[in-house]
Amino acid sequence: MKVALVHDYLTQRGGAERVALQFCRAYPGAPLYTSLYDAAGTYPDFAEVDVRCGPLQRLAPARRDPRLALPLLAPAWDRTVVSDDAEALLISSSGWAHGVAGPPDVPTVVYCHNPPRWLHQPDIYLTGAAERTAMRLLRPHLLRWDRRAARRAHTYLANSNVVADRIREAYDIDAQVVHPPVTIDAAGEQAPVAGIAPGFFLTVSRARGYKNVARVAEAVASIPGAELVVIGSGTPDEEPAPNVRWLGLVSDAELRWLYAHATALVTVAFEDFGLTPLEANAFGTPVAALRAGGHLDSVVEGVSGSWIEEPTAASVRDTLVSLPSFDRRAVLEHAAGFSLDAFTRRIDDVLRTATGRRVAVASATRRRGEPRPTAAAA
């Protein structure tokens, strides 16, 4: 059975892009439709995928920041048509991809990371005055478009319980919760990062307002002898303290080393789900996470991490200075509950139910160096 894949835009390295990449691995050879593709800004593995871009790809500034294409994204997806031979659509969306036009009578499954923040949570996503002014003008029309697009789907999936609640509020749709998997290979190659010794706190996050990276940096800067390493796109708003290192983007091998040698991952983001706590757990590293959002689904207090009660530097500091010791085996077992194989089976079951036929999938745990497997008929 031929599956077509869809994702909002491939311009960054985040949890949604890791899930989209897993879809590509589960259904090898399937085309991936997207609005914008920046090969340097996202995961290099997409170079092996049949990525098909729309007309917005010609706008170079938008490839660097899709927010610049805000007025054009919805109409661009309205004009994006999936090939006629597709027998099922699997859409990874936190924006406008659910508006893609599939062949008639072809079932559509939307894996929703969050309803579009630009529409439904603008106060925490749009930081510039120009962005907010544009959204005030566009929002009534885009809300109508967004709801019509959502209602066309045969099945809606949510990556967490909090996102399921948002889908119900935005679209009056009851979505099944399918937690995303841990996609990083904890057994893969590790590359030490020069100038960094084990025992640091780690934050893996884009420098967006709702990620609250600055609060983590402020907290660690006030703890004598502590060090913070920050990974992700963007730059600090002000000169960081001497014990705070901003590394920007790193390779997967360096990321594995950082996860494996951190004292704890620290996140005070309002995440829809948030894969980084589980990625850290996959290396036996505990987390200190904000008690909110998707973290409520992915963190177990006393087993895989500790809670930060408020997104303030003081609350972060209180948690970090009193962080207990964790049983590494228990942390690893917690992460194992979010496996690639379990996720792939759930997605396969949903597609099979939607289409009434079995979709052939490849093994989600292909060993390093083995050729990419070919899907076989069930």
Protein backbone atom coordinates (compact mmCIF):
# COMPACT_ATOMS: atom_id res chain seq x y z
CA MET A 1 0.00 0.00 0.00
CA LYS A 2 1.37 3.43 -0.97
CA VAL A 3 1.60 5.98 1.83
CA ALA A 4 2.27 9.68 1.24
CA LEU A 5 3.83 11.64 4.11
CA VAL A 6 3.34 15.32 4.89
CA HIS A 7 5.12 17.69 7.31
CA ASP A 8 4.72 21.45 7.84
CA TYR A 9 8.27 22.55 7.03
CA LEU A 10 11.75 21.07 7.36
CA THR A 11 13.72 24.07 8.58
CA GLN A 12 14.74 23.17 12.14
CA ARG A 13 15.81 20.33 14.41
CA GLY A 14 13.06 19.56 16.86
CA GLY A 15 10.88 16.78 18.17
CA ALA A 16 8.34 17.16 15.35
CA GLU A 17 11.08 16.72 12.77
CA ARG A 18 12.37 13.62 14.55
CA VAL A 19 8.87 12.12 14.39
CA ALA A 20 8.57 13.01 10.69
CA LEU A 21 11.91 11.33 10.09
CA GLN A 22 10.68 8.20 11.85
CA PHE A 23 7.65 8.14 9.55
CA CYS A 24 10.07 8.22 6.61
CA ARG A 25 12.02 5.29 8.05
CA ALA A 26 8.87 3.31 8.80
CA TYR A 27 7.56 3.78 5.25
CA PRO A 28 10.73 3.79 3.09
CA GLY A 29 10.30 5.21 -0.38
CA ALA A 30 7.23 7.24 0.57
CA PRO A 31 7.39 10.85 -0.67
CA LEU A 32 7.43 13.57 1.98
CA TYR A 33 5.53 16.74 1.04
CA THR A 34 6.52 19.95 2.80
CA SER A 35 6.26 23.70 2.27
CA LEU A 36 9.87 24.67 3.01
CA TYR A 37 13.09 22.67 3.22
CA ASP A 38 16.40 23.95 4.58
CA ALA A 39 18.83 21.04 4.41
CA ALA A 40 21.38 22.85 6.59
CA GLY A 41 18.85 23.76 9.26
CA THR A 42 17.24 20.37 9.81
CA TYR A 43 18.43 16.78 10.30
CA PRO A 44 20.82 15.59 7.58
CA ASP A 45 18.96 12.25 7.33
CA PHE A 46 16.26 13.97 5.26
CA ALA A 47 18.76 14.03 2.39
CA GLU A 48 17.89 10.34 1.88
CA VAL A 49 14.16 11.09 1.61
CA ASP A 50 12.10 11.99 -1.47
CA VAL A 51 11.27 15.51 -0.23
CA ARG A 52 8.79 17.39 -2.41
CA CYS A 53 8.47 21.13 -1.80
CA GLY A 54 5.80 23.62 -2.78
CA PRO A 55 6.25 27.05 -4.41
CA LEU A 56 7.28 28.74 -1.14
CA GLN A 57 10.62 26.93 -1.41
CA ARG A 58 11.73 29.71 -3.76
CA LEU A 59 11.57 32.21 -0.86
CA ALA A 60 15.02 31.89 0.72
CA PRO A 61 14.26 34.05 3.81
CA ALA A 62 11.24 31.86 4.61
CA ARG A 63 13.43 28.74 4.53
CA ARG A 64 15.39 30.25 7.40
CA ASP A 65 12.29 31.39 9.33
CA PRO A 66 8.85 30.10 8.24
CA ARG A 67 7.17 32.84 10.27
CA LEU A 68 8.10 35.21 7.43
CA ALA A 69 5.74 33.24 5.18
CA LEU A 70 2.83 33.44 7.62
CA PRO A 71 0.26 34.95 5.22
CA LEU A 72 1.21 32.47 2.48
CA LEU A 73 1.33 29.14 4.29
CA ALA A 74 -2.37 28.32 4.35
CA PRO A 75 -2.99 29.10 0.64
CA ALA A 76 0.21 27.24 -0.27
CA TRP A 77 -1.06 24.08 1.43
CA ASP A 78 -4.45 24.53 -0.24
CA ARG A 79 -2.62 24.31 -3.57
CA THR A 80 -0.40 21.37 -2.59
CA VAL A 81 -1.79 18.21 -4.16
CA VAL A 82 -0.54 14.73 -3.29
CA SER A 83 0.07 12.32 -6.15
CA ASP A 84 -2.95 10.31 -7.32
CA ASP A 85 -1.37 6.93 -6.53
CA ALA A 86 -1.28 7.57 -2.75
CA GLU A 87 -3.60 5.22 -0.87
CA ALA A 88 -3.20 6.85 2.56
CA LEU A 89 -1.91 10.17 3.90
CA LEU A 90 0.04 10.40 7.15
CA ILE A 91 0.42 14.03 8.17
CA SER A 92 2.80 15.36 10.83
CA SER A 93 1.50 18.79 11.77
CA SER A 94 1.81 21.63 14.23
CA GLY A 95 0.97 24.21 11.57
CA TRP A 96 -0.80 24.09 8.26
CA ALA A 97 0.09 20.69 6.76
CA HIS A 98 -3.33 19.27 7.65
CA GLY A 99 -4.71 21.49 4.86
CA VAL A 100 -3.04 19.45 2.11
CA ALA A 101 -5.34 18.15 -0.62
CA GLY A 102 -5.20 14.37 -0.90
CA PRO A 103 -6.73 12.21 -3.63
CA PRO A 104 -10.51 11.75 -3.30
CA ASP A 105 -11.61 9.10 -0.81
CA VAL A 106 -8.05 8.54 0.45
CA PRO A 107 -8.00 8.29 4.26
CA THR A 108 -6.03 10.96 6.09
CA VAL A 109 -4.39 10.49 9.49
CA VAL A 110 -3.09 13.63 11.20
CA TYR A 111 -0.43 13.23 13.90
CA CYS A 112 -0.82 16.56 15.65
CA HIS A 113 2.09 17.92 17.70
CA ASN A 114 -0.08 20.93 18.57
CA PRO A 115 -2.77 23.01 16.87
CA PRO A 116 -1.00 25.96 15.18
CA ARG A 117 0.49 28.08 17.95
CA TRP A 118 0.34 31.13 15.71
CA LEU A 119 -3.46 30.89 15.86
CA HIS A 120 -4.25 29.24 19.17
CA GLN A 121 -1.38 30.39 21.41
CA PRO A 122 -0.13 33.61 19.80
CA ASP A 123 0.82 35.31 23.06
CA ILE A 124 3.61 32.82 23.77
CA TYR A 125 4.73 32.20 20.18
CA LEU A 126 4.64 35.58 18.40
CA THR A 127 7.16 37.89 20.03
CA GLY A 128 7.50 40.71 17.48
CA ALA A 129 5.10 43.63 17.12
CA ALA A 130 4.88 43.12 13.35
CA GLU A 131 4.03 39.43 13.80
CA ARG A 132 1.26 40.20 16.28
CA THR A 133 -0.21 42.95 14.11
CA ALA A 134 -0.26 40.63 11.09
CA MET A 135 -1.91 37.87 13.11
CA ARG A 136 -4.65 40.18 14.42
CA LEU A 137 -5.58 40.94 10.81
CA LEU A 138 -5.29 37.38 9.52
CA ARG A 139 -6.55 35.38 12.48
CA PRO A 140 -10.34 35.35 11.78
CA HIS A 141 -9.83 34.03 8.24
CA LEU A 142 -7.10 31.59 9.27
CA LEU A 143 -9.19 30.18 12.12
CA ARG A 144 -11.99 29.35 9.69
CA TRP A 145 -9.50 27.75 7.29
CA ASP A 146 -7.79 25.84 10.08
CA ARG A 147 -11.02 24.34 11.39
CA ARG A 148 -12.20 23.33 7.92
CA ALA A 149 -8.85 21.66 7.25
CA ALA A 150 -8.93 19.76 10.55
CA ARG A 151 -12.43 18.44 9.92
CA ARG A 152 -11.32 16.83 6.63
CA ALA A 153 -9.11 14.30 8.45
CA HIS A 154 -10.38 10.78 8.98
CA THR A 155 -8.37 10.29 12.19
CA TYR A 156 -6.67 12.73 14.55
CA LEU A 157 -3.81 11.67 16.81
CA ALA A 158 -2.29 13.77 19.62
CA ASN A 159 1.22 13.44 20.96
CA SER A 160 0.13 14.06 24.57
CA ASN A 161 -2.92 14.48 26.76
CA VAL A 162 -2.54 18.24 26.93
CA VAL A 163 -2.48 18.42 23.12
CA ALA A 164 -5.56 16.18 22.95
CA ASP A 165 -7.31 18.75 25.16
CA ARG A 166 -6.20 21.56 22.82
CA ILE A 167 -7.45 19.65 19.75
CA ARG A 168 -10.82 19.17 21.42
CA GLU A 169 -11.01 22.87 22.26
CA ALA A 170 -9.84 24.06 18.83
CA TYR A 171 -11.67 21.61 16.57
CA ASP A 172 -14.20 19.73 18.70
CA ILE A 173 -12.37 16.51 17.74
CA ASP A 174 -11.52 13.69 20.17
CA ALA A 175 -7.97 12.63 19.31
CA GLN A 176 -6.26 9.39 20.28
CA VAL A 177 -3.06 9.93 22.28
CA VAL A 178 0.02 8.27 20.75
CA HIS A 179 3.17 9.36 22.52
CA PRO A 180 6.15 10.00 20.23
CA PRO A 181 9.12 7.66 20.48
CA VAL A 182 12.68 8.09 21.65
CA THR A 183 14.42 8.26 18.28
CA ILE A 184 18.00 8.95 19.29
CA ASP A 185 20.27 5.88 19.19
CA ALA A 186 21.77 5.72 22.67
CA ALA A 187 24.20 3.03 21.51
CA GLY A 188 25.53 5.20 18.69
CA GLU A 189 28.88 6.94 18.39
CA GLN A 190 29.75 9.60 20.95
CA ALA A 191 32.07 12.56 20.35
CA PRO A 192 33.34 14.54 23.36
CA VAL A 193 32.89 18.32 23.19
CA ALA A 194 36.14 20.21 23.65
CA GLY A 195 36.41 22.24 26.82
CA ILE A 196 33.50 20.57 28.62
CA ALA A 197 33.98 18.13 31.50
CA PRO A 198 31.30 15.68 32.71
CA GLY A 199 28.97 16.83 35.49
CA PHE A 200 27.22 19.81 33.85
CA PHE A 201 23.54 20.65 33.57
CA LEU A 202 22.18 20.45 30.03
CA THR A 203 19.43 22.27 28.15
CA VAL A 204 18.45 21.27 24.61
CA SER A 205 16.08 23.85 23.19
CA ARG A 206 15.54 26.49 20.54
CA ALA A 207 15.82 30.06 21.83
CA ARG A 208 12.10 30.83 21.69
CA GLY A 209 10.25 32.78 24.38
CA TYR A 210 8.07 29.90 25.60
CA LYS A 211 11.15 27.67 25.93
CA ASN A 212 12.36 29.84 28.87
CA VAL A 213 16.04 29.05 28.29
CA ALA A 214 17.04 32.38 29.85
CA ARG A 215 15.45 31.35 33.18
CA VAL A 216 17.55 28.17 33.26
CA ALA A 217 20.71 30.11 32.45
CA GLU A 218 19.94 32.66 35.18
CA ALA A 219 19.37 29.90 37.73
CA VAL A 220 22.57 27.97 36.99
CA ALA A 221 24.61 31.17 36.91
CA SER A 222 23.65 31.69 40.57
CA ILE A 223 24.77 28.20 41.72
CA PRO A 224 28.43 28.13 42.81
CA GLY A 225 30.44 25.49 40.97
CA ALA A 226 27.63 24.57 38.57
CA GLU A 227 27.91 24.67 34.79
CA LEU A 228 25.20 24.81 32.12
CA VAL A 229 25.53 23.74 28.49
CA VAL A 230 22.86 25.04 26.11
CA ILE A 231 22.27 23.35 22.75
CA GLY A 232 19.94 24.53 20.03
CA SER A 233 19.34 27.19 17.40
CA GLY A 234 19.25 30.84 18.33
CA THR A 235 21.48 33.01 20.49
CA PRO A 236 21.18 34.42 24.03
CA ASP A 237 19.54 37.81 24.45
CA GLU A 238 22.47 38.99 26.56
CA GLU A 239 26.05 37.98 27.32
CA PRO A 240 25.91 34.64 29.17
CA ALA A 241 27.53 34.13 32.57
CA PRO A 242 31.00 32.51 32.62
CA ASN A 243 29.54 29.15 33.73
CA VAL A 244 26.95 29.05 30.89
CA ARG A 245 28.09 27.66 27.52
CA TRP A 246 25.94 28.19 24.39
CA LEU A 247 27.01 25.69 21.75
CA GLY A 248 24.36 26.19 19.08
CA LEU A 249 23.72 23.14 16.93
CA VAL A 250 25.87 20.05 17.51
CA SER A 251 26.26 16.74 15.74
CA ASP A 252 24.31 13.69 16.87
CA ALA A 253 27.54 12.14 18.16
CA GLU A 254 28.23 15.22 20.30
CA LEU A 255 24.64 15.29 21.49
CA ARG A 256 24.91 11.65 22.63
CA TRP A 257 28.06 12.47 24.60
CA LEU A 258 26.40 15.47 26.23
CA TYR A 259 23.31 13.46 27.19
CA ALA A 260 25.47 10.67 28.60
CA HIS A 261 27.73 12.93 30.68
CA ALA A 262 25.24 15.49 32.05
CA THR A 263 24.18 15.51 35.69
CA ALA A 264 20.64 16.25 34.53
CA LEU A 265 18.71 17.72 31.64
CA VAL A 266 16.90 20.93 32.64
CA THR A 267 13.80 22.14 30.82
CA VAL A 268 11.38 24.89 31.78
CA ALA A 269 9.63 24.97 28.41
CA PHE A 270 5.87 24.76 27.98
CA GLU A 271 6.17 21.71 25.77
CA ASP A 272 3.43 20.02 23.78
CA PHE A 273 5.17 16.75 24.61
CA GLY A 274 8.90 17.36 24.78
CA LEU A 275 11.18 14.58 23.60
CA THR A 276 14.40 15.82 25.19
CA PRO A 277 13.59 14.50 28.70
CA LEU A 278 13.13 11.00 27.27
CA GLU A 279 16.23 11.34 25.10
CA ALA A 280 18.24 12.16 28.23
CA ASN A 281 16.58 9.26 30.08
CA ALA A 282 17.67 6.91 27.27
CA PHE A 283 21.24 7.53 28.48
CA GLY A 284 20.32 7.02 32.15
CA THR A 285 20.37 10.79 32.76
CA PRO A 286 17.53 12.21 34.91
CA VAL A 287 15.68 15.46 34.22
CA ALA A 288 14.51 18.54 36.05
CA ALA A 289 11.35 19.59 34.20
CA LEU A 290 8.58 22.13 34.52
CA ARG A 291 5.46 20.50 35.98
CA ALA A 292 3.29 21.43 32.99
CA GLY A 293 2.30 20.50 29.45
CA GLY A 294 3.64 17.37 27.83
CA HIS A 295 6.10 16.80 30.64
CA LEU A 296 3.17 15.44 32.64
CA ASP A 297 3.11 12.52 30.19
CA SER A 298 6.85 11.94 29.89
CA VAL A 299 8.31 12.52 33.38
CA VAL A 300 7.71 10.40 36.48
CA GLU A 301 8.79 12.20 39.65
CA GLY A 302 11.34 10.25 41.67
CA VAL A 303 11.84 7.74 38.85
CA SER A 304 13.02 9.70 35.81
CA GLY A 305 13.33 13.18 37.23
CA SER A 306 12.21 15.99 39.53
CA TRP A 307 9.67 18.76 39.04
CA ILE A 308 10.29 22.48 38.69
CA GLU A 309 7.16 24.16 39.98
CA GLU A 310 7.33 27.52 38.19
CA PRO A 311 9.15 28.89 35.11
CA THR A 312 11.30 31.21 37.22
CA ALA A 313 15.00 31.25 37.94
CA ALA A 314 14.33 30.88 41.66
CA SER A 315 12.21 27.76 41.17
CA VAL A 316 14.77 26.23 38.81
CA ARG A 317 17.52 26.90 41.32
CA ASP A 318 15.53 25.36 44.19
CA THR A 319 15.08 22.13 42.23
CA LEU A 320 18.67 21.87 41.01
CA VAL A 321 20.32 22.45 44.38
CA SER A 322 18.15 19.72 45.95
CA LEU A 323 18.27 17.23 43.08
CA PRO A 324 18.37 13.69 44.54
CA SER A 325 20.27 10.68 43.25
CA PHE A 326 18.39 8.51 40.74
CA ASP A 327 18.55 4.82 39.99
CA ARG A 328 20.10 4.71 36.52
CA ARG A 329 18.40 1.40 35.70
CA ALA A 330 14.99 2.82 36.56
CA VAL A 331 15.66 5.84 34.37
CA LEU A 332 16.63 3.59 31.45
CA GLU A 333 13.55 1.39 31.93
CA HIS A 334 11.32 4.47 31.88
CA ALA A 335 12.75 5.58 28.52
CA ALA A 336 12.36 2.08 27.11
CA GLY A 337 8.58 2.42 27.47
CA PHE A 338 8.63 4.95 24.60
CA SER A 339 10.28 2.70 22.01
CA LEU A 340 10.38 3.12 18.25
CA ASP A 341 8.86 -0.30 17.66
CA ALA A 342 5.87 0.38 19.91
CA PHE A 343 5.26 3.74 18.24
CA THR A 344 5.51 2.30 14.72
CA ARG A 345 3.06 -0.48 15.57
CA ARG A 346 0.55 2.04 16.94
CA ILE A 347 0.77 4.21 13.82
CA ASP A 348 0.45 1.11 11.62
CA ASP A 349 -2.65 -0.01 13.51
CA VAL A 350 -4.25 3.41 13.07
CA LEU A 351 -3.54 3.45 9.32
CA ARG A 352 -4.77 -0.12 8.97
CA THR A 353 -7.99 0.75 10.74
CA ALA A 354 -8.45 3.89 8.64
CA THR A 355 -7.87 2.11 5.35
CA GLY A 356 -9.13 -1.39 6.12
CA ARG A 357 -5.90 -2.80 4.77
CA ARG A 358 -2.50 -3.60 6.23
CA VAL A 359 0.23 -1.05 5.56
CA ALA A 360 3.62 -2.66 5.18
CA VAL A 361 6.20 -1.11 7.46
CA ALA A 362 9.91 -1.47 7.86
CA SER A 363 11.65 -2.34 11.09
CA ALA A 364 12.07 0.73 13.29
CA THR A 365 15.26 -0.63 14.80
CA ARG A 366 17.45 -1.16 11.76
CA ARG A 367 20.98 -1.87 12.91
CA ARG A 368 23.70 0.58 12.07
CA GLY A 369 25.32 -0.23 8.74
CA GLU A 370 22.53 -2.50 7.51
CA PRO A 371 20.84 -1.58 4.22
CA ARG A 372 17.48 0.15 4.52
CA PRO A 373 14.87 -2.63 4.40
CA THR A 374 12.19 -2.86 1.74
CA ALA A 375 8.55 -2.89 2.77
CA ALA A 376 6.94 -6.27 2.22
CA ALA A 377 3.29 -7.05 1.65
CA ALA A 378 1.50 -8.23 4.76
